[in-house]
Amino acid sequence: MKNIDKVKKKIKLVKSKIKDNEEMIYLLRKENSSLFGKFLKYSSELQKLEGVKR
């Protein structure tokens, strides 16, 4: 019976860790999306400035 409880605790711990990791992945994707938007904005701005130089 003790072994069953140990295994159940381990399973619960692993599930919790998976959930935490999924949340972290979601937040990182959200941040990357925002950063990519800024990258596109600055790239466009740079192209306009370089176009003015020529």
Protein backbone atom coordinates (compact mmCIF):
# COMPACT_ATOMS: atom_id res chain seq x y z
CA MET A 1 0.00 0.00 0.00
CA LYS A 2 2.88 2.38 0.79
CA ASN A 3 4.32 1.86 -2.68
CA ILE A 4 1.02 2.79 -4.31
CA ASP A 5 0.90 6.04 -2.32
CA LYS A 6 4.51 6.85 -3.26
CA VAL A 7 3.81 6.27 -6.93
CA LYS A 8 0.62 8.38 -6.77
CA LYS A 9 2.58 11.23 -5.16
CA LYS A 10 5.23 11.00 -7.87
CA ILE A 11 2.56 11.04 -10.59
CA LYS A 12 0.93 14.09 -9.00
CA LEU A 13 4.31 15.85 -8.82
CA VAL A 14 5.08 15.12 -12.47
CA LYS A 15 1.62 16.34 -13.57
CA SER A 16 2.14 19.54 -11.60
CA LYS A 17 5.54 20.08 -13.22
CA ILE A 18 4.05 19.49 -16.68
CA LYS A 19 1.33 22.06 -15.98
CA ASP A 20 3.94 24.58 -14.79
CA ASN A 21 6.02 23.99 -17.91
CA GLU A 22 3.01 24.41 -20.20
CA GLU A 23 2.23 27.72 -18.51
CA MET A 24 5.84 28.82 -18.94
CA ILE A 25 5.76 27.86 -22.63
CA TYR A 26 2.55 29.87 -23.10
CA LEU A 27 4.09 32.95 -21.47
CA LEU A 28 7.30 32.64 -23.51
CA ARG A 29 5.35 32.31 -26.76
CA LYS A 30 3.34 35.38 -25.84
CA GLU A 31 6.54 37.32 -25.12
CA ASN A 32 8.16 36.11 -28.36
CA SER A 33 5.12 37.21 -30.31
CA SER A 34 5.39 40.68 -28.80
CA LEU A 35 9.13 40.84 -29.49
CA PHE A 36 8.64 39.72 -33.08
CA GLY A 37 6.11 42.52 -33.54
CA LYS A 38 8.68 45.03 -32.26
CA PHE A 39 11.30 43.51 -34.57
CA LEU A 40 9.04 44.01 -37.60
CA LYS A 41 8.26 47.57 -36.53
CA TYR A 42 11.94 48.48 -36.12
CA SER A 43 12.92 46.71 -39.35
CA SER A 44 10.32 48.74 -41.21
CA GLU A 45 11.53 51.92 -39.54
CA LEU A 46 15.12 51.13 -40.50
CA GLN A 47 14.15 50.52 -44.13
CA LYS A 48 12.37 53.89 -44.24
CA LEU A 49 15.40 55.66 -42.76
CA GLU A 50 17.76 53.93 -45.14
CA GLY A 51 15.48 54.87 -48.03
CA VAL A 52 15.72 58.53 -47.00
CA LYS A 53 19.55 58.37 -47.06
CA ARG A 54 19.66 57.26 -50.70
